[in-house]
Amino acid sequence: MEEEDRCMVLALGYPVRRVLTTFVLAGLLSLTAGRAEAEARLALLIANESYDPKLGVLKQPKTDVALIETSLRKLGFQIEKIGDAGFVDIHRAISRHTARVRGAGDNALSFIYYAGHGVSHPQLKANYLIPTDVTEWDDSSVWERLIDLKADLIDKLRASSPAAFHFVVFDACRNELQITSKDRPIQIGGKAFVATPQASGVLVAYATQEGMTAPDSGNYAKALARNLEIPDVEAVTMFRNVQLEVQASNGQQPFVIWSGLQRIYFMSSATQATTPANPSNQLIYKSCRLPEFGQEGWLRTEEHTGSTGWVGGGNNQRWGCDRVAASFIAQRAIGQRNKVEHLSSSERSNKDLLGHVTYDYSCKVRVSWDPLYLERRDAKCGIEKQ
């Protein structure tokens, strides 16, 4: 196995509406050349490296995140940073960030950077980042314990804040990931990224070409951090410059694709900074998720098929499904807050020599647990800024 390789870096941006008259455009053209200035700059940085040794411990993610954090702070970003995060922690961090961007309004600039293990599923054409609480790859349910880049992150950002700019950068799929499952009902896609459908208004920048890995030397993070601070370079051009710099340094071939983006500048020589998101210094509450806010959905869902074994009469298939679900819930130590759905059921009967009839009920159920509560800004969450 090759050492110290990683593969996937994505970035995406979505255009915002610009309602400008022809007169105003003409007056600004010589200075901005079509720039879209963001009112607020918000970033989420995730560094995962303390994985179970069976998966492969990493050494570079926290260093990479520190480099990106330093550059983004110089650009006026408000930053939330988490490290060695599990499934629930990552979901909650994404939800908090999504709420902040939505609260910042139109033209907000969102930047997410993830460094850690990742994996792709070629049949589903999907890429996933791996939380640090994943330790086994020996069953098909492993995919339900990963973060789907499209469904869990990109789609949420687009739906929540369609008029904001979004840049999501993934530095993942490191070749140190160890997958040793003996019985794999779902084939592991590998450590390199798979190309996904390109949506309008999206820029995607991979650290290397499809199907290849990249060294865990931090070359891409170093180049990205350095180029973020260069003034008056439009975002697409900036990522292209990162691509050329990395390729020249070690032969690695980053890949960039985009569609329908307006011009976005991270740094302007005229301003060298961004306007604070809360210039009036008004009271802003933190956002959080609490049971009293209502429930949005479930963090975990799994389908299970089982049977009751031979039991006496007086029961029915619904009773059998309840028994199958209760057994699964007990085995997985699932809490009382759960939801059970009966998907299909069947029964067999058997009569012994004395005429006693017994039944075996089989059932397929879907069990959801770990409730995901609605997120809102509220005094119960504490004060973010006074």
Protein backbone atom coordinates (compact mmCIF):
# COMPACT_ATOMS: atom_id res chain seq x y z
CA MET A 1 0.00 0.00 0.00
CA GLU A 2 1.29 3.44 -0.84
CA GLU A 3 1.99 5.65 2.14
CA GLU A 4 0.86 9.15 2.95
CA ASP A 5 -1.50 9.63 0.02
CA ARG A 6 -4.83 11.34 -0.03
CA CYS A 7 -7.07 12.30 -2.87
CA MET A 8 -10.18 14.40 -2.67
CA VAL A 9 -10.49 18.14 -2.55
CA LEU A 10 -13.78 19.71 -3.68
CA ALA A 11 -14.82 23.28 -3.71
CA LEU A 12 -18.04 24.79 -4.81
CA GLY A 13 -19.59 28.21 -5.09
CA TYR A 14 -23.08 29.39 -5.86
CA PRO A 15 -23.94 32.77 -7.40
CA VAL A 16 -26.12 35.29 -5.67
CA ARG A 17 -28.69 37.66 -7.20
CA ARG A 18 -27.32 41.09 -8.02
CA VAL A 19 -29.98 43.71 -8.50
CA LEU A 20 -28.02 46.60 -9.98
CA THR A 21 -29.09 49.20 -12.47
CA THR A 22 -27.15 49.74 -15.64
CA PHE A 23 -26.08 53.12 -14.32
CA VAL A 24 -24.59 51.69 -11.14
CA LEU A 25 -22.88 48.91 -13.06
CA ALA A 26 -21.24 51.41 -15.34
CA GLY A 27 -19.97 53.43 -12.39
CA LEU A 28 -18.45 50.39 -10.67
CA LEU A 29 -17.11 48.57 -13.69
CA SER A 30 -13.66 50.09 -13.67
CA LEU A 31 -13.13 49.13 -10.01
CA THR A 32 -14.95 45.85 -9.52
CA ALA A 33 -15.24 44.31 -13.00
CA GLY A 34 -18.35 42.44 -11.93
CA ARG A 35 -17.28 41.43 -8.43
CA ALA A 36 -19.79 40.18 -5.90
CA GLU A 37 -18.94 41.55 -2.47
CA ALA A 38 -20.05 39.41 0.46
CA GLU A 39 -21.72 41.03 3.44
CA ALA A 40 -20.65 38.30 5.87
CA ARG A 41 -17.90 35.71 5.77
CA LEU A 42 -18.46 32.49 7.69
CA ALA A 43 -16.26 29.40 7.77
CA LEU A 44 -16.42 25.88 9.21
CA LEU A 45 -13.14 23.96 9.47
CA ILE A 46 -13.01 20.24 10.34
CA ALA A 47 -9.78 18.34 11.06
CA ASN A 48 -10.06 14.56 11.59
CA GLU A 49 -6.88 12.61 12.21
CA SER A 50 -7.25 10.49 15.40
CA TYR A 51 -8.89 7.49 13.75
CA ASP A 52 -8.93 3.94 15.04
CA PRO A 53 -5.59 2.32 14.06
CA LYS A 54 -7.54 -0.29 12.10
CA LEU A 55 -8.60 2.49 9.73
CA GLY A 56 -5.35 4.41 9.77
CA VAL A 57 -4.28 7.34 11.95
CA LEU A 58 -3.46 10.55 10.04
CA LYS A 59 -0.90 13.22 10.86
CA GLN A 60 -1.62 16.13 8.48
CA PRO A 61 -5.26 17.30 8.85
CA LYS A 62 -4.85 19.61 11.86
CA THR A 63 -1.82 21.23 10.28
CA ASP A 64 -3.74 21.77 7.04
CA VAL A 65 -6.71 23.27 8.88
CA ALA A 66 -4.42 25.60 10.83
CA LEU A 67 -2.99 26.95 7.56
CA ILE A 68 -6.43 27.56 6.08
CA GLU A 69 -7.66 29.13 9.33
CA THR A 70 -4.80 31.64 9.39
CA SER A 71 -5.54 32.77 5.84
CA LEU A 72 -9.30 32.97 6.31
CA ARG A 73 -8.98 35.07 9.47
CA LYS A 74 -6.90 37.56 7.52
CA LEU A 75 -9.79 37.72 5.04
CA GLY A 76 -12.31 38.58 7.75
CA PHE A 77 -13.98 35.19 8.21
CA GLN A 78 -15.80 34.26 11.40
CA ILE A 79 -14.63 30.69 12.02
CA GLU A 80 -15.92 27.64 13.83
CA LYS A 81 -13.36 24.84 14.11
CA ILE A 82 -13.82 21.25 15.28
CA GLY A 83 -11.40 18.35 15.39
CA ASP A 84 -11.55 14.55 15.58
CA ALA A 85 -15.30 14.74 15.15
CA GLY A 86 -17.75 11.84 15.11
CA PHE A 87 -20.88 11.40 13.02
CA VAL A 88 -23.21 13.40 15.25
CA ASP A 89 -20.66 16.16 15.89
CA ILE A 90 -20.09 16.71 12.18
CA HIS A 91 -23.82 16.77 11.42
CA ARG A 92 -24.39 19.29 14.19
CA ALA A 93 -21.50 21.49 13.04
CA ILE A 94 -22.86 21.50 9.48
CA SER A 95 -26.31 22.41 10.79
CA ARG A 96 -24.91 25.27 12.89
CA HIS A 97 -22.94 26.61 9.96
CA THR A 98 -25.94 26.33 7.64
CA ALA A 99 -28.06 28.28 10.12
CA ARG A 100 -25.42 31.03 10.44
CA VAL A 101 -25.18 31.45 6.69
CA ARG A 102 -28.95 31.55 6.36
CA GLY A 103 -29.13 34.13 9.14
CA ALA A 104 -26.47 36.28 7.45
CA GLY A 105 -28.74 36.82 4.45
CA ASP A 106 -28.05 37.31 0.75
CA ASN A 107 -24.46 37.66 -0.46
CA ALA A 108 -23.00 35.87 2.56
CA LEU A 109 -19.79 34.00 1.79
CA SER A 110 -19.64 30.45 3.17
CA PHE A 111 -16.43 28.42 3.29
CA ILE A 112 -16.16 24.84 4.58
CA TYR A 113 -12.86 22.98 4.72
CA TYR A 114 -12.66 19.31 5.73
CA ALA A 115 -9.40 17.39 6.21
CA GLY A 116 -9.52 13.69 7.08
CA HIS A 117 -10.35 10.26 5.70
CA GLY A 118 -12.84 9.92 2.86
CA VAL A 119 -14.11 7.20 0.55
CA SER A 120 -16.17 6.91 -2.63
CA HIS A 121 -18.93 4.56 -3.74
CA PRO A 122 -18.63 4.07 -7.52
CA GLN A 123 -22.02 2.38 -7.94
CA LEU A 124 -23.83 5.25 -6.24
CA LYS A 125 -21.48 7.84 -7.75
CA ALA A 126 -21.13 9.38 -4.30
CA ASN A 127 -18.28 10.62 -2.11
CA TYR A 128 -18.23 10.40 1.67
CA LEU A 129 -16.16 11.80 4.51
CA ILE A 130 -15.45 9.47 7.41
CA PRO A 131 -16.13 10.48 11.04
CA THR A 132 -13.61 9.39 13.67
CA ASP A 133 -16.13 7.16 15.47
CA VAL A 134 -16.26 4.75 12.51
CA THR A 135 -14.07 1.75 13.34
CA GLU A 136 -15.38 -1.19 11.28
CA TRP A 137 -15.97 -1.85 7.59
CA ASP A 138 -17.36 -5.36 7.93
CA ASP A 139 -21.03 -4.73 7.14
CA SER A 140 -23.06 -2.87 4.55
CA SER A 141 -24.44 -0.42 7.11
CA VAL A 142 -21.08 1.36 7.24
CA TRP A 143 -22.34 3.77 4.55
CA GLU A 144 -25.08 4.96 6.89
CA ARG A 145 -22.40 6.04 9.39
CA LEU A 146 -20.61 8.26 6.88
CA ILE A 147 -21.33 11.83 5.78
CA ASP A 148 -22.64 11.99 2.22
CA LEU A 149 -21.02 15.04 0.66
CA LYS A 150 -23.98 15.78 -1.59
CA ALA A 151 -26.99 14.87 0.54
CA ASP A 152 -25.66 15.82 3.97
CA LEU A 153 -23.71 18.94 3.06
CA ILE A 154 -24.00 20.41 -0.43
CA ASP A 155 -27.76 19.96 -0.82
CA LYS A 156 -28.41 21.42 2.65
CA LEU A 157 -26.33 24.51 1.89
CA ARG A 158 -28.00 25.08 -1.47
CA ALA A 159 -31.51 24.65 -0.10
CA SER A 160 -30.91 26.79 2.98
CA SER A 161 -29.06 29.72 1.39
CA PRO A 162 -29.53 29.82 -2.39
CA ALA A 163 -28.54 33.51 -2.55
CA ALA A 164 -25.23 33.08 -0.73
CA PHE A 165 -21.79 32.14 -2.07
CA HIS A 166 -20.70 28.63 -1.02
CA PHE A 167 -17.19 27.22 -1.16
CA VAL A 168 -16.79 23.71 0.21
CA VAL A 169 -13.26 22.30 0.17
CA PHE A 170 -12.56 18.63 0.90
CA ASP A 171 -9.06 17.41 1.53
CA ALA A 172 -9.78 13.72 2.05
CA CYS A 173 -9.62 10.16 0.64
CA ARG A 174 -6.13 9.53 1.97
CA ASN A 175 -4.44 6.35 0.88
CA GLU A 176 -3.57 5.50 4.48
CA LEU A 177 -7.20 4.42 4.88
CA GLN A 178 -7.18 0.68 5.60
CA ILE A 179 -10.18 -1.31 4.36
CA THR A 180 -9.84 -4.98 5.28
CA SER A 181 -13.42 -6.26 5.30
CA LYS A 182 -13.58 -10.01 4.63
CA ASP A 183 -17.26 -9.97 3.62
CA ARG A 184 -18.21 -6.83 1.76
CA PRO A 185 -21.79 -6.90 0.44
CA ILE A 186 -21.17 -3.40 -0.97
CA GLN A 187 -17.92 -2.95 -2.82
CA ILE A 188 -15.74 -0.17 -1.40
CA GLY A 189 -15.20 2.43 -4.07
CA GLY A 190 -11.62 3.24 -3.09
CA LYS A 191 -9.73 6.19 -1.76
CA ALA A 192 -9.89 8.31 -4.91
CA PHE A 193 -12.87 10.50 -5.70
CA VAL A 194 -15.57 9.66 -8.23
CA ALA A 195 -16.88 12.33 -10.57
CA THR A 196 -20.38 13.49 -9.63
CA PRO A 197 -22.99 15.30 -11.74
CA GLN A 198 -22.13 18.95 -12.21
CA ALA A 199 -24.78 21.39 -11.02
CA SER A 200 -25.11 24.90 -12.38
CA GLY A 201 -23.33 27.49 -10.29
CA VAL A 202 -20.89 25.00 -8.79
CA LEU A 203 -17.10 25.01 -8.81
CA VAL A 204 -15.39 21.73 -7.97
CA ALA A 205 -11.64 21.55 -7.43
CA TYR A 206 -10.04 18.17 -6.74
CA ALA A 207 -6.51 17.87 -5.39
CA THR A 208 -5.78 15.29 -8.08
CA GLN A 209 -7.40 13.68 -11.08
CA GLU A 210 -10.21 11.16 -10.78
CA GLY A 211 -9.11 7.71 -9.64
CA MET A 212 -5.78 8.97 -8.27
CA THR A 213 -4.55 9.79 -4.79
CA ALA A 214 -2.45 12.67 -3.51
CA PRO A 215 0.44 12.71 -1.00
CA ASP A 216 -0.34 13.55 2.62
CA SER A 217 2.27 16.30 2.54
CA GLY A 218 -0.17 19.21 2.74
CA ASN A 219 0.90 20.57 -0.65
CA TYR A 220 -2.64 21.43 -1.70
CA ALA A 221 -3.50 23.10 1.62
CA LYS A 222 -0.29 25.14 1.51
CA ALA A 223 -0.96 26.33 -2.02
CA LEU A 224 -4.60 27.10 -1.25
CA ALA A 225 -3.78 29.07 1.89
CA ARG A 226 -1.13 31.08 0.08
CA ASN A 227 -3.31 31.91 -2.93
CA LEU A 228 -6.31 32.90 -0.79
CA GLU A 229 -4.29 35.88 0.46
CA ILE A 230 -3.29 37.20 -2.96
CA PRO A 231 -5.41 40.31 -3.65
CA ASP A 232 -7.53 41.00 -6.73
CA VAL A 233 -7.55 37.41 -8.02
CA GLU A 234 -10.99 36.11 -9.01
CA ALA A 235 -11.95 32.83 -7.28
CA VAL A 236 -11.94 30.58 -10.37
CA THR A 237 -8.56 31.95 -11.39
CA MET A 238 -7.33 31.50 -7.83
CA PHE A 239 -8.19 27.79 -7.84
CA ARG A 240 -6.58 27.45 -11.27
CA ASN A 241 -3.41 29.03 -9.87
CA VAL A 242 -3.47 26.54 -6.99
CA GLN A 243 -3.79 23.76 -9.54
CA LEU A 244 -0.74 24.93 -11.48
CA GLU A 245 1.33 25.52 -8.34
CA VAL A 246 0.67 22.03 -6.94
CA GLN A 247 1.35 20.39 -10.29
CA ALA A 248 4.66 22.21 -10.59
CA SER A 249 5.73 21.27 -7.06
CA ASN A 250 5.30 17.48 -7.19
CA GLY A 251 3.67 16.42 -10.46
CA GLN A 252 0.28 16.04 -8.82
CA GLN A 253 -2.54 17.03 -11.17
CA PRO A 254 -5.44 18.81 -9.48
CA PHE A 255 -8.72 18.96 -11.34
CA VAL A 256 -11.04 21.98 -11.56
CA ILE A 257 -14.55 22.28 -12.99
CA TRP A 258 -17.19 25.00 -12.61
CA SER A 259 -20.37 26.32 -14.20
CA GLY A 260 -22.30 29.58 -14.09
CA LEU A 261 -20.32 31.47 -11.44
CA GLN A 262 -20.17 35.21 -11.00
CA ARG A 263 -16.85 36.82 -10.19
CA ILE A 264 -15.94 36.41 -6.53
CA TYR A 265 -12.87 37.87 -4.84
CA PHE A 266 -11.55 36.65 -1.50
CA MET A 267 -9.12 39.58 -1.17
CA SER A 268 -9.25 43.09 -2.59
CA SER A 269 -6.25 45.42 -2.53
CA ALA A 270 -8.69 48.31 -2.10
CA THR A 271 -10.28 46.96 1.08
CA GLN A 272 -7.91 44.25 2.40
CA ALA A 273 -10.77 43.21 4.71
CA THR A 274 -14.47 42.53 4.81
CA THR A 275 -17.32 44.31 6.52
CA PRO A 276 -18.31 42.63 9.79
CA ALA A 277 -21.54 40.62 9.66
CA ASN A 278 -22.92 42.63 12.59
CA PRO A 279 -21.71 46.22 12.21
CA SER A 280 -24.42 47.62 14.46
CA ASN A 281 -23.20 45.42 17.32
CA GLN A 282 -26.73 44.31 17.98
CA LEU A 283 -27.55 41.36 20.23
CA ILE A 284 -27.26 38.04 18.39
CA TYR A 285 -28.20 34.74 19.99
CA LYS A 286 -26.35 31.55 19.25
CA SER A 287 -28.09 28.84 17.27
CA CYS A 288 -28.70 25.40 18.73
CA ARG A 289 -30.96 22.37 18.53
CA LEU A 290 -33.28 21.65 21.43
CA PRO A 291 -36.22 19.21 21.81
CA GLU A 292 -38.62 22.07 22.46
CA PHE A 293 -37.86 23.49 18.98
CA GLY A 294 -39.40 20.42 17.35
CA GLN A 295 -37.90 17.53 15.43
CA GLU A 296 -36.49 17.78 11.90
CA GLY A 297 -35.67 14.12 11.34
CA TRP A 298 -33.35 11.33 12.45
CA LEU A 299 -29.57 11.07 12.32
CA ARG A 300 -29.50 7.30 11.89
CA THR A 301 -31.74 4.94 9.93
CA GLU A 302 -31.21 1.25 9.24
CA GLU A 303 -33.29 -1.54 7.72
CA HIS A 304 -33.29 -4.94 9.44
CA THR A 305 -34.78 -8.32 8.54
CA GLY A 306 -35.41 -10.99 11.16
CA SER A 307 -37.82 -13.58 12.47
CA THR A 308 -39.42 -14.47 15.78
CA GLY A 309 -38.70 -18.17 15.66
CA TRP A 310 -41.46 -20.68 16.29
CA VAL A 311 -44.06 -19.37 18.74
CA GLY A 312 -47.53 -20.35 19.81
CA GLY A 313 -50.76 -19.13 18.31
CA GLY A 314 -52.77 -16.08 19.23
CA ASN A 315 -50.41 -13.63 17.53
CA ASN A 316 -50.18 -11.99 14.10
CA GLN A 317 -47.63 -10.56 11.70
CA ARG A 318 -47.76 -7.09 13.25
CA TRP A 319 -46.88 -8.62 16.60
CA GLY A 320 -44.03 -10.45 14.90
CA CYS A 321 -42.68 -7.22 13.37
CA ASP A 322 -42.79 -5.55 16.78
CA ARG A 323 -40.76 -8.45 18.22
CA VAL A 324 -38.18 -8.25 15.40
CA ALA A 325 -37.83 -4.47 15.87
CA ALA A 326 -37.57 -4.78 19.67
CA SER A 327 -34.81 -7.35 19.32
CA PHE A 328 -32.87 -5.12 16.93
CA ILE A 329 -33.28 -2.09 19.21
CA ALA A 330 -32.01 -4.07 22.20
CA GLN A 331 -29.00 -5.45 20.28
CA ARG A 332 -27.94 -2.00 19.09
CA ALA A 333 -28.65 -0.37 22.48
CA ILE A 334 -30.90 2.21 20.82
CA GLY A 335 -32.57 4.70 23.15
CA GLN A 336 -36.28 5.19 23.69
CA ARG A 337 -36.49 8.00 21.12
CA ASN A 338 -36.83 5.93 17.96
CA LYS A 339 -39.21 5.24 15.09
CA VAL A 340 -40.13 1.82 13.71
CA GLU A 341 -41.67 1.22 10.27
CA HIS A 342 -42.93 -2.19 9.11
CA LEU A 343 -41.83 -2.70 5.50
CA SER A 344 -42.89 -6.30 4.77
CA SER A 345 -43.85 -9.44 6.66
CA SER A 346 -44.70 -13.10 6.20
CA GLU A 347 -45.46 -16.14 8.33
CA ARG A 348 -45.04 -19.90 8.33
CA SER A 349 -47.06 -22.42 10.33
CA ASN A 350 -46.33 -25.93 11.54
CA LYS A 351 -48.62 -28.53 13.11
CA ASP A 352 -47.11 -31.25 15.29
CA LEU A 353 -48.42 -34.80 15.74
CA LEU A 354 -50.68 -33.67 18.57
CA GLY A 355 -52.26 -30.98 16.43
CA HIS A 356 -50.54 -28.04 18.11
CA VAL A 357 -49.86 -25.21 15.65
CA THR A 358 -46.88 -22.89 15.95
CA TYR A 359 -45.92 -19.92 13.81
CA ASP A 360 -42.70 -18.28 12.63
CA TYR A 361 -43.12 -14.59 11.74
CA SER A 362 -40.55 -12.93 9.45
CA CYS A 363 -40.44 -9.18 9.04
CA LYS A 364 -38.41 -6.39 7.47
CA VAL A 365 -38.41 -3.18 9.50
CA ARG A 366 -36.84 0.25 9.22
CA VAL A 367 -35.61 1.70 12.52
CA SER A 368 -34.67 5.38 12.91
CA TRP A 369 -33.01 6.80 16.00
CA ASP A 370 -30.94 9.69 17.37
CA PRO A 371 -33.50 12.49 16.80
CA LEU A 372 -32.31 15.60 14.94
CA TYR A 373 -34.08 18.61 16.39
CA LEU A 374 -34.83 21.82 14.53
CA GLU A 375 -32.19 24.53 14.83
CA ARG A 376 -32.92 28.14 15.65
CA ARG A 377 -31.33 31.20 17.21
CA ASP A 378 -32.74 31.58 20.70
CA ALA A 379 -31.87 33.03 24.09
CA LYS A 380 -31.79 29.47 25.43
CA CYS A 381 -28.72 28.86 23.26
CA GLY A 382 -26.67 31.72 24.72
CA ILE A 383 -25.39 34.99 23.31
CA GLU A 384 -23.10 34.94 20.29
CA LYS A 385 -22.40 38.69 20.17
CA GLN A 386 -23.46 41.65 22.25
